[in-house]
PDB file of all heavy atoms in Angstrom:
ATOM      1  N   PHE A   1       9.121 -34.785  82.541  1.00  0.00           N
ATOM      2  CA  PHE A   1       9.472 -33.395  82.620  1.00  0.00           C
ATOM      3  C   PHE A   1       8.482 -32.576  83.397  1.00  0.00           C
ATOM      4  O   PHE A   1       8.789 -31.591  84.059  1.00  0.00           O
ATOM      5  CB  PHE A   1       9.844 -32.846  81.301  1.00  0.00           C
ATOM      6  CG  PHE A   1       8.683 -32.360  80.457  1.00  0.00           C
ATOM      7  CD1 PHE A   1       8.001 -31.179  80.679  1.00  0.00           C
ATOM      8  CD2 PHE A   1       8.280 -33.199  79.390  1.00  0.00           C
ATOM      9  CE1 PHE A   1       6.929 -30.823  79.912  1.00  0.00           C
ATOM     10  CE2 PHE A   1       7.246 -32.805  78.553  1.00  0.00           C
ATOM     11  CZ  PHE A   1       6.613 -31.637  78.752  1.00  0.00           C
ATOM     12  N   GLN A   2       7.195 -33.040  83.437  1.00  0.00           N
ATOM     13  CA  GLN A   2       6.223 -32.267  84.214  1.00  0.00           C
ATOM     14  C   GLN A   2       6.525 -32.536  85.698  1.00  0.00           C
ATOM     15  O   GLN A   2       6.323 -31.555  86.513  1.00  0.00           O
ATOM     16  CB  GLN A   2       4.790 -32.859  83.873  1.00  0.00           C
ATOM     17  CG  GLN A   2       4.319 -32.526  82.488  1.00  0.00           C
ATOM     18  CD  GLN A   2       3.900 -31.064  82.408  1.00  0.00           C
ATOM     19  OE1 GLN A   2       3.977 -30.240  83.277  1.00  0.00           O
ATOM     20  NE2 GLN A   2       3.383 -30.664  81.146  1.00  0.00           N
ATOM     21  N   LEU A   3       6.907 -33.732  86.093  1.00  0.00           N
ATOM     22  CA  LEU A   3       7.251 -34.030  87.484  1.00  0.00           C
ATOM     23  C   LEU A   3       8.455 -33.266  87.952  1.00  0.00           C
ATOM     24  O   LEU A   3       8.451 -32.716  89.095  1.00  0.00           O
ATOM     25  CB  LEU A   3       7.426 -35.546  87.674  1.00  0.00           C
ATOM     26  CG  LEU A   3       7.581 -36.027  89.094  1.00  0.00           C
ATOM     27  CD1 LEU A   3       6.385 -35.673  89.944  1.00  0.00           C
ATOM     28  CD2 LEU A   3       7.875 -37.486  89.101  1.00  0.00           C
ATOM     29  N   ILE A   4       9.413 -33.167  87.100  1.00  0.00           N
ATOM     30  CA  ILE A   4      10.614 -32.402  87.433  1.00  0.00           C
ATOM     31  C   ILE A   4      10.299 -30.927  87.605  1.00  0.00           C
ATOM     32  O   ILE A   4      10.754 -30.272  88.529  1.00  0.00           O
ATOM     33  CB  ILE A   4      11.720 -32.576  86.350  1.00  0.00           C
ATOM     34  CG1 ILE A   4      12.217 -34.004  86.384  1.00  0.00           C
ATOM     35  CG2 ILE A   4      12.863 -31.603  86.566  1.00  0.00           C
ATOM     36  CD1 ILE A   4      13.230 -34.319  85.220  1.00  0.00           C
ATOM     37  N   GLY A   5       9.445 -30.406  86.719  1.00  0.00           N
ATOM     38  CA  GLY A   5       9.020 -29.056  86.852  1.00  0.00           C
ATOM     39  C   GLY A   5       8.242 -28.771  88.091  1.00  0.00           C
ATOM     40  O   GLY A   5       8.394 -27.779  88.766  1.00  0.00           O
ATOM     41  N   ALA A   6       7.403 -29.727  88.507  1.00  0.00           N
ATOM     42  CA  ALA A   6       6.585 -29.551  89.768  1.00  0.00           C
ATOM     43  C   ALA A   6       7.540 -29.567  90.958  1.00  0.00           C
ATOM     44  O   ALA A   6       7.250 -28.941  91.941  1.00  0.00           O
ATOM     45  CB  ALA A   6       5.544 -30.629  89.811  1.00  0.00           C
ATOM     46  N   LEU A   7       8.541 -30.452  90.977  1.00  0.00           N
ATOM     47  CA  LEU A   7       9.420 -30.614  92.084  1.00  0.00           C
ATOM     48  C   LEU A   7      10.416 -29.410  92.169  1.00  0.00           C
ATOM     49  O   LEU A   7      10.697 -28.968  93.342  1.00  0.00           O
ATOM     50  CB  LEU A   7      10.190 -31.914  92.096  1.00  0.00           C
ATOM     51  CG  LEU A   7       9.319 -33.206  92.233  1.00  0.00           C
ATOM     52  CD1 LEU A   7      10.228 -34.440  91.993  1.00  0.00           C
ATOM     53  CD2 LEU A   7       8.773 -33.270  93.572  1.00  0.00           C
ATOM     54  N   THR A   8      10.956 -28.956  91.083  1.00  0.00           N
ATOM     55  CA  THR A   8      11.948 -27.900  91.149  1.00  0.00           C
ATOM     56  C   THR A   8      11.363 -26.513  90.964  1.00  0.00           C
ATOM     57  O   THR A   8      12.029 -25.585  91.309  1.00  0.00           O
ATOM     58  CB  THR A   8      12.948 -28.131  90.064  1.00  0.00           C
ATOM     59  OG1 THR A   8      12.308 -28.063  88.796  1.00  0.00           O
ATOM     60  CG2 THR A   8      13.612 -29.489  90.227  1.00  0.00           C
ATOM     61  N   GLY A   9      10.128 -26.427  90.523  1.00  0.00           N
ATOM     62  CA  GLY A   9       9.536 -25.065  90.333  1.00  0.00           C
ATOM     63  C   GLY A   9       9.873 -24.395  89.057  1.00  0.00           C
ATOM     64  O   GLY A   9       9.383 -23.284  88.693  1.00  0.00           O
ATOM     65  N   THR A  10      10.767 -25.016  88.229  1.00  0.00           N
ATOM     66  CA  THR A  10      11.125 -24.501  86.900  1.00  0.00           C
ATOM     67  C   THR A  10      10.931 -25.498  85.847  1.00  0.00           C
ATOM     68  O   THR A  10      11.189 -26.764  86.138  1.00  0.00           O
ATOM     69  CB  THR A  10      12.630 -24.087  86.914  1.00  0.00           C
ATOM     70  OG1 THR A  10      13.457 -25.214  87.227  1.00  0.00           O
ATOM     71  CG2 THR A  10      12.865 -22.940  87.947  1.00  0.00           C
ATOM     72  N   VAL A  11      10.502 -25.090  84.695  1.00  0.00           N
ATOM     73  CA  VAL A  11      10.278 -26.079  83.625  1.00  0.00           C
ATOM     74  C   VAL A  11      11.611 -26.445  82.982  1.00  0.00           C
ATOM     75  O   VAL A  11      12.397 -25.546  82.641  1.00  0.00           O
ATOM     76  CB  VAL A  11       9.341 -25.431  82.558  1.00  0.00           C
ATOM     77  CG1 VAL A  11       9.116 -26.395  81.352  1.00  0.00           C
ATOM     78  CG2 VAL A  11       7.985 -25.026  83.115  1.00  0.00           C
ATOM     79  N   PRO A  12      11.883 -27.750  82.838  1.00  0.00           N
ATOM     80  CA  PRO A  12      13.141 -28.149  82.154  1.00  0.00           C
ATOM     81  C   PRO A  12      12.991 -27.947  80.661  1.00  0.00           C
ATOM     82  O   PRO A  12      12.415 -28.694  79.883  1.00  0.00           O
ATOM     83  CB  PRO A  12      13.241 -29.665  82.524  1.00  0.00           C
ATOM     84  CG  PRO A  12      11.835 -30.081  82.828  1.00  0.00           C
ATOM     85  CD  PRO A  12      11.173 -28.910  83.351  1.00  0.00           C
ATOM     86  N   LEU A  13      13.622 -26.744  80.205  1.00  0.00           N
ATOM     87  CA  LEU A  13      13.407 -26.358  78.836  1.00  0.00           C
ATOM     88  C   LEU A  13      13.933 -27.363  77.825  1.00  0.00           C
ATOM     89  O   LEU A  13      13.380 -27.583  76.754  1.00  0.00           O
ATOM     90  CB  LEU A  13      14.016 -24.992  78.610  1.00  0.00           C
ATOM     91  CG  LEU A  13      13.386 -23.810  79.425  1.00  0.00           C
ATOM     92  CD1 LEU A  13      14.181 -22.537  79.141  1.00  0.00           C
ATOM     93  CD2 LEU A  13      11.947 -23.603  78.999  1.00  0.00           C
ATOM     94  N   THR A  14      15.070 -27.927  78.097  1.00  0.00           N
ATOM     95  CA  THR A  14      15.647 -28.896  77.169  1.00  0.00           C
ATOM     96  C   THR A  14      14.786 -30.083  76.849  1.00  0.00           C
ATOM     97  O   THR A  14      14.414 -30.426  75.712  1.00  0.00           O
ATOM     98  CB  THR A  14      17.048 -29.383  77.623  1.00  0.00           C
ATOM     99  OG1 THR A  14      17.890 -28.233  77.845  1.00  0.00           O
ATOM    100  CG2 THR A  14      17.643 -30.348  76.590  1.00  0.00           C
ATOM    101  N   LEU A  15      14.233 -30.656  77.953  1.00  0.00           N
ATOM    102  CA  LEU A  15      13.283 -31.763  77.813  1.00  0.00           C
ATOM    103  C   LEU A  15      12.005 -31.345  77.132  1.00  0.00           C
ATOM    104  O   LEU A  15      11.424 -32.095  76.334  1.00  0.00           O
ATOM    105  CB  LEU A  15      12.996 -32.393  79.142  1.00  0.00           C
ATOM    106  CG  LEU A  15      14.170 -33.068  79.926  1.00  0.00           C
ATOM    107  CD1 LEU A  15      13.723 -33.521  81.314  1.00  0.00           C
ATOM    108  CD2 LEU A  15      14.742 -34.157  79.107  1.00  0.00           C
ATOM    109  N   MET A  16      11.558 -30.129  77.504  1.00  0.00           N
ATOM    110  CA  MET A  16      10.286 -29.679  76.878  1.00  0.00           C
ATOM    111  C   MET A  16      10.420 -29.461  75.410  1.00  0.00           C
ATOM    112  O   MET A  16       9.597 -29.863  74.601  1.00  0.00           O
ATOM    113  CB  MET A  16       9.893 -28.365  77.580  1.00  0.00           C
ATOM    114  CG  MET A  16       8.613 -27.791  77.000  1.00  0.00           C
ATOM    115  SD  MET A  16       8.440 -26.017  77.533  1.00  0.00           S
ATOM    116  CE  MET A  16       9.746 -25.156  76.617  1.00  0.00           C
ATOM    117  N   LEU A  17      11.554 -28.815  74.901  1.00  0.00           N
ATOM    118  CA  LEU A  17      11.711 -28.521  73.556  1.00  0.00           C
ATOM    119  C   LEU A  17      11.976 -29.795  72.671  1.00  0.00           C
ATOM    120  O   LEU A  17      11.787 -29.822  71.420  1.00  0.00           O
ATOM    121  CB  LEU A  17      12.880 -27.586  73.349  1.00  0.00           C
ATOM    122  CG  LEU A  17      12.654 -26.223  73.960  1.00  0.00           C
ATOM    123  CD1 LEU A  17      13.939 -25.378  73.813  1.00  0.00           C
ATOM    124  CD2 LEU A  17      11.483 -25.473  73.198  1.00  0.00           C
ATOM    125  N   LEU A  18      12.402 -30.921  73.327  1.00  0.00           N
ATOM    126  CA  LEU A  18      12.628 -32.169  72.603  1.00  0.00           C
ATOM    127  C   LEU A  18      11.360 -33.020  72.534  1.00  0.00           C
ATOM    128  O   LEU A  18      11.391 -34.160  71.965  1.00  0.00           O
ATOM    129  CB  LEU A  18      13.739 -32.941  73.252  1.00  0.00           C
ATOM    130  CG  LEU A  18      15.141 -32.354  73.088  1.00  0.00           C
ATOM    131  CD1 LEU A  18      16.116 -33.237  73.843  1.00  0.00           C
ATOM    132  CD2 LEU A  18      15.506 -32.243  71.624  1.00  0.00           C
ATOM    133  N   LEU A  19      10.177 -32.586  73.080  1.00  0.00           N
ATOM    134  CA  LEU A  19       8.983 -33.323  73.043  1.00  0.00           C
ATOM    135  C   LEU A  19       8.486 -33.631  71.617  1.00  0.00           C
ATOM    136  O   LEU A  19       8.063 -34.787  71.403  1.00  0.00           O
ATOM    137  CB  LEU A  19       7.924 -32.595  73.886  1.00  0.00           C
ATOM    138  CG  LEU A  19       6.618 -33.348  73.965  1.00  0.00           C
ATOM    139  CD1 LEU A  19       6.796 -34.630  74.704  1.00  0.00           C
ATOM    140  CD2 LEU A  19       5.610 -32.449  74.802  1.00  0.00           C
ATOM    141  N   PRO A  20       8.641 -32.702  70.576  1.00  0.00           N
ATOM    142  CA  PRO A  20       8.230 -33.133  69.291  1.00  0.00           C
ATOM    143  C   PRO A  20       9.037 -34.301  68.722  1.00  0.00           C
ATOM    144  O   PRO A  20       8.547 -34.967  67.860  1.00  0.00           O
ATOM    145  CB  PRO A  20       8.458 -31.767  68.487  1.00  0.00           C
ATOM    146  CG  PRO A  20       8.289 -30.749  69.464  1.00  0.00           C
ATOM    147  CD  PRO A  20       8.918 -31.268  70.741  1.00  0.00           C
ATOM    148  N   ALA A  21      10.334 -34.408  69.064  1.00  0.00           N
ATOM    149  CA  ALA A  21      11.109 -35.470  68.626  1.00  0.00           C
ATOM    150  C   ALA A  21      10.553 -36.833  69.083  1.00  0.00           C
ATOM    151  O   ALA A  21      10.514 -37.826  68.369  1.00  0.00           O
ATOM    152  CB  ALA A  21      12.581 -35.338  69.128  1.00  0.00           C
ATOM    153  N   VAL A  22      10.040 -36.842  70.392  1.00  0.00           N
ATOM    154  CA  VAL A  22       9.437 -38.045  70.891  1.00  0.00           C
ATOM    155  C   VAL A  22       8.167 -38.405  70.095  1.00  0.00           C
ATOM    156  O   VAL A  22       7.900 -39.562  69.799  1.00  0.00           O
ATOM    157  CB  VAL A  22       9.111 -37.886  72.403  1.00  0.00           C
ATOM    158  CG1 VAL A  22       8.488 -39.162  72.965  1.00  0.00           C
ATOM    159  CG2 VAL A  22      10.435 -37.579  73.208  1.00  0.00           C
ATOM    160  N   ALA A  23       7.422 -37.342  69.734  1.00  0.00           N
ATOM    161  CA  ALA A  23       6.230 -37.569  68.950  1.00  0.00           C
ATOM    162  C   ALA A  23       6.557 -38.140  67.581  1.00  0.00           C
ATOM    163  O   ALA A  23       5.830 -39.050  67.102  1.00  0.00           O
ATOM    164  CB  ALA A  23       5.420 -36.298  68.837  1.00  0.00           C
ATOM    165  N   LEU A  24       7.616 -37.698  67.036  1.00  0.00           N
ATOM    166  CA  LEU A  24       7.993 -38.204  65.704  1.00  0.00           C
ATOM    167  C   LEU A  24       8.467 -39.661  65.742  1.00  0.00           C
ATOM    168  O   LEU A  24       8.188 -40.404  64.807  1.00  0.00           O
ATOM    169  CB  LEU A  24       9.212 -37.368  65.197  1.00  0.00           C
ATOM    170  CG  LEU A  24       8.929 -36.108  64.335  1.00  0.00           C
ATOM    171  CD1 LEU A  24      10.169 -35.363  64.056  1.00  0.00           C
ATOM    172  CD2 LEU A  24       8.091 -36.436  63.135  1.00  0.00           C
ATOM    173  N   LEU A  25       8.950 -40.078  66.903  1.00  0.00           N
ATOM    174  CA  LEU A  25       9.343 -41.478  67.074  1.00  0.00           C
ATOM    175  C   LEU A  25       8.127 -42.409  67.086  1.00  0.00           C
ATOM    176  O   LEU A  25       8.249 -43.623  66.735  1.00  0.00           O
ATOM    177  CB  LEU A  25      10.086 -41.659  68.382  1.00  0.00           C
ATOM    178  CG  LEU A  25      11.539 -41.088  68.458  1.00  0.00           C
ATOM    179  CD1 LEU A  25      12.070 -41.294  69.828  1.00  0.00           C
ATOM    180  CD2 LEU A  25      12.384 -41.662  67.341  1.00  0.00           C
ATOM    181  N   THR A  26       6.938 -41.919  67.462  1.00  0.00           N
ATOM    182  CA  THR A  26       5.765 -42.788  67.448  1.00  0.00           C
ATOM    183  C   THR A  26       5.115 -42.810  66.014  1.00  0.00           C
ATOM    184  O   THR A  26       4.190 -43.635  65.820  1.00  0.00           O
ATOM    185  CB  THR A  26       4.649 -42.159  68.414  1.00  0.00           C
ATOM    186  OG1 THR A  26       4.284 -40.888  67.994  1.00  0.00           O
ATOM    187  CG2 THR A  26       5.354 -42.094  69.815  1.00  0.00           C
ATOM    188  N   LEU A  27       5.484 -41.924  65.112  1.00  0.00           N
ATOM    189  CA  LEU A  27       4.855 -41.849  63.842  1.00  0.00           C
ATOM    190  C   LEU A  27       4.930 -43.210  63.043  1.00  0.00           C
ATOM    191  O   LEU A  27       3.912 -43.639  62.453  1.00  0.00           O
ATOM    192  CB  LEU A  27       5.470 -40.708  62.988  1.00  0.00           C
ATOM    193  CG  LEU A  27       4.895 -40.504  61.625  1.00  0.00           C
ATOM    194  CD1 LEU A  27       3.445 -40.083  61.671  1.00  0.00           C
ATOM    195  CD2 LEU A  27       5.691 -39.360  60.882  1.00  0.00           C
ATOM    196  N   PRO A  28       6.093 -43.830  62.989  1.00  0.00           N
ATOM    197  CA  PRO A  28       6.180 -45.094  62.127  1.00  0.00           C
ATOM    198  C   PRO A  28       5.185 -46.199  62.679  1.00  0.00           C
ATOM    199  O   PRO A  28       4.756 -47.039  61.877  1.00  0.00           O
ATOM    200  CB  PRO A  28       7.620 -45.528  62.223  1.00  0.00           C
ATOM    201  CG  PRO A  28       8.379 -44.293  62.545  1.00  0.00           C
ATOM    202  CD  PRO A  28       7.457 -43.503  63.427  1.00  0.00           C
ATOM    203  N   THR A  29       4.896 -46.128  63.931  1.00  0.00           N
ATOM    204  CA  THR A  29       4.011 -47.212  64.457  1.00  0.00           C
ATOM    205  C   THR A  29       2.672 -47.170  63.812  1.00  0.00           C
ATOM    206  O   THR A  29       2.003 -48.207  63.645  1.00  0.00           O
ATOM    207  CB  THR A  29       3.933 -47.101  65.959  1.00  0.00           C
ATOM    208  OG1 THR A  29       3.320 -45.908  66.300  1.00  0.00           O
ATOM    209  CG2 THR A  29       5.336 -47.249  66.598  1.00  0.00           C
ATOM    210  N   PHE A  30       2.147 -45.932  63.529  1.00  0.00           N
ATOM    211  CA  PHE A  30       0.841 -45.801  62.938  1.00  0.00           C
ATOM    212  C   PHE A  30       0.836 -46.437  61.477  1.00  0.00           C
ATOM    213  O   PHE A  30      -0.103 -47.127  61.043  1.00  0.00           O
ATOM    214  CB  PHE A  30       0.420 -44.336  62.761  1.00  0.00           C
ATOM    215  CG  PHE A  30       0.057 -43.751  64.092  1.00  0.00           C
ATOM    216  CD1 PHE A  30       1.033 -43.269  64.937  1.00  0.00           C
ATOM    217  CD2 PHE A  30      -1.254 -43.645  64.464  1.00  0.00           C
ATOM    218  CE1 PHE A  30       0.719 -42.725  66.208  1.00  0.00           C
ATOM    219  CE2 PHE A  30      -1.633 -43.069  65.665  1.00  0.00           C
ATOM    220  CZ  PHE A  30      -0.649 -42.589  66.495  1.00  0.00           C
ATOM    221  N   VAL A  31       1.959 -46.253  60.764  1.00  0.00           N
ATOM    222  CA  VAL A  31       2.061 -46.815  59.403  1.00  0.00           C
ATOM    223  C   VAL A  31       2.138 -48.342  59.493  1.00  0.00           C
ATOM    224  O   VAL A  31       1.410 -49.092  58.746  1.00  0.00           O
ATOM    225  CB  VAL A  31       3.247 -46.205  58.679  1.00  0.00           C
ATOM    226  CG1 VAL A  31       3.438 -46.840  57.292  1.00  0.00           C
ATOM    227  CG2 VAL A  31       3.183 -44.720  58.616  1.00  0.00           C
ATOM    228  N   LEU A  32       3.002 -48.875  60.319  1.00  0.00           N
ATOM    229  CA  LEU A  32       3.149 -50.289  60.453  1.00  0.00           C
ATOM    230  C   LEU A  32       1.878 -50.976  60.922  1.00  0.00           C
ATOM    231  O   LEU A  32       1.565 -52.156  60.514  1.00  0.00           O
ATOM    232  CB  LEU A  32       4.289 -50.609  61.407  1.00  0.00           C
ATOM    233  CG  LEU A  32       5.687 -50.257  60.913  1.00  0.00           C
ATOM    234  CD1 LEU A  32       6.687 -50.511  62.058  1.00  0.00           C
ATOM    235  CD2 LEU A  32       6.087 -51.021  59.662  1.00  0.00           C
ATOM    236  N   ALA A  33       1.103 -50.301  61.784  1.00  0.00           N
ATOM    237  CA  ALA A  33      -0.132 -50.958  62.254  1.00  0.00           C
ATOM    238  C   ALA A  33      -1.130 -51.117  61.182  1.00  0.00           C
ATOM    239  O   ALA A  33      -1.956 -52.060  61.179  1.00  0.00           O
ATOM    240  CB  ALA A  33      -0.742 -50.058  63.374  1.00  0.00           C
ATOM    241  N   ALA A  34      -1.094 -50.323  60.100  1.00  0.00           N
ATOM    242  CA  ALA A  34      -2.025 -50.475  59.004  1.00  0.00           C
ATOM    243  C   ALA A  34      -1.538 -51.331  57.865  1.00  0.00           C
ATOM    244  O   ALA A  34      -2.136 -51.451  56.820  1.00  0.00           O
ATOM    245  CB  ALA A  34      -2.396 -49.055  58.416  1.00  0.00           C
ATOM    246  N   MET A  35      -0.326 -51.985  58.043  1.00  0.00           N
ATOM    247  CA  MET A  35       0.215 -52.853  57.049  1.00  0.00           C
ATOM    248  C   MET A  35       0.181 -54.269  57.590  1.00  0.00           C
ATOM    249  O   MET A  35       0.230 -54.537  58.783  1.00  0.00           O
ATOM    250  CB  MET A  35       1.663 -52.415  56.801  1.00  0.00           C
ATOM    251  CG  MET A  35       1.833 -51.017  56.205  1.00  0.00           C
ATOM    252  SD  MET A  35       3.543 -50.548  56.018  1.00  0.00           S
ATOM    253  CE  MET A  35       4.089 -51.697  54.703  1.00  0.00           C
ATOM    254  N   ASP A  36       0.079 -55.207  56.684  1.00  0.00           N
ATOM    255  CA  ASP A  36      -0.004 -56.660  56.976  1.00  0.00           C
ATOM    256  C   ASP A  36       1.406 -57.193  57.318  1.00  0.00           C
ATOM    257  O   ASP A  36       1.973 -58.002  56.564  1.00  0.00           O
ATOM    258  CB  ASP A  36      -0.655 -57.404  55.849  1.00  0.00           C
ATOM    259  CG  ASP A  36      -1.034 -58.848  56.316  1.00  0.00           C
ATOM    260  OD1 ASP A  36      -0.867 -59.159  57.544  1.00  0.00           O
ATOM    261  OD2 ASP A  36      -1.403 -59.664  55.470  1.00  0.00           O
ATOM    262  N   VAL A  37       1.951 -56.703  58.437  1.00  0.00           N
ATOM    263  CA  VAL A  37       3.300 -57.160  58.846  1.00  0.00           C
ATOM    264  C   VAL A  37       3.205 -57.470  60.341  1.00  0.00           C
ATOM    265  O   VAL A  37       2.208 -57.065  60.975  1.00  0.00           O
ATOM    266  CB  VAL A  37       4.375 -56.150  58.513  1.00  0.00           C
ATOM    267  CG1 VAL A  37       4.572 -55.934  57.070  1.00  0.00           C
ATOM    268  CG2 VAL A  37       4.053 -54.808  59.219  1.00  0.00           C
ATOM    269  N   GLY A  38       4.265 -58.089  60.822  1.00  0.00           N
ATOM    270  CA  GLY A  38       4.422 -58.172  62.260  1.00  0.00           C
ATOM    271  C   GLY A  38       3.594 -59.368  62.872  1.00  0.00           C
ATOM    272  O   GLY A  38       3.265 -59.325  64.038  1.00  0.00           O
ATOM    273  N   ARG A  39       3.234 -60.354  62.051  1.00  0.00           N
ATOM    274  CA  ARG A  39       2.445 -61.504  62.661  1.00  0.00           C
ATOM    275  C   ARG A  39       3.409 -62.366  63.479  1.00  0.00           C
ATOM    276  O   ARG A  39       2.945 -63.093  64.307  1.00  0.00           O
ATOM    277  CB  ARG A  39       1.793 -62.298  61.542  1.00  0.00           C
ATOM    278  CG  ARG A  39       0.718 -61.461  60.824  1.00  0.00           C
ATOM    279  CD  ARG A  39      -0.024 -62.323  59.792  1.00  0.00           C
ATOM    280  NE  ARG A  39      -0.978 -61.612  59.075  1.00  0.00           N
ATOM    281  CZ  ARG A  39      -2.241 -61.293  59.498  1.00  0.00           C
ATOM    282  NH1 ARG A  39      -2.678 -61.719  60.719  1.00  0.00           N
ATOM    283  NH2 ARG A  39      -3.042 -60.601  58.704  1.00  0.00           N
ATOM    284  N   GLU A  40       4.722 -62.335  63.125  1.00  0.00           N
ATOM    285  CA  GLU A  40       5.711 -63.099  63.976  1.00  0.00           C
ATOM    286  C   GLU A  40       5.863 -62.425  65.326  1.00  0.00           C
ATOM    287  O   GLU A  40       5.869 -61.249  65.435  1.00  0.00           O
ATOM    288  CB  GLU A  40       7.033 -63.097  63.287  1.00  0.00           C
ATOM    289  CG  GLU A  40       6.986 -63.825  61.859  1.00  0.00           C
ATOM    290  CD  GLU A  40       6.522 -62.847  60.809  1.00  0.00           C
ATOM    291  OE1 GLU A  40       6.369 -61.660  61.057  1.00  0.00           O
ATOM    292  OE2 GLU A  40       6.367 -63.298  59.653  1.00  0.00           O
ATOM    293  N   ARG A  41       5.918 -63.228  66.308  1.00  0.00           N
ATOM    294  CA  ARG A  41       6.052 -62.778  67.678  1.00  0.00           C
ATOM    295  C   ARG A  41       7.516 -62.464  67.970  1.00  0.00           C
ATOM    296  O   ARG A  41       8.413 -63.239  67.658  1.00  0.00           O
ATOM    297  CB  ARG A  41       5.498 -63.733  68.666  1.00  0.00           C
ATOM    298  CG  ARG A  41       4.063 -64.146  68.374  1.00  0.00           C
ATOM    299  CD  ARG A  41       3.142 -62.984  68.485  1.00  0.00           C
ATOM    300  NE  ARG A  41       3.068 -62.399  69.841  1.00  0.00           N
ATOM    301  CZ  ARG A  41       2.477 -61.362  70.173  1.00  0.00           C
ATOM    302  NH1 ARG A  41       1.909 -60.566  69.214  1.00  0.00           N
ATOM    303  NH2 ARG A  41       2.492 -60.887  71.417  1.00  0.00           N
TER     304      ARG A  41
END
């Protein structure tokens, strides 16, 4: 969305406002990383 804003001159508000949702998607990975799981490939 930064690249789209730089090319078009306007900030894509929809993509910008959904950025916290993307951050929430990364939250479970912190929990799983501290648990003894995922040794299988």
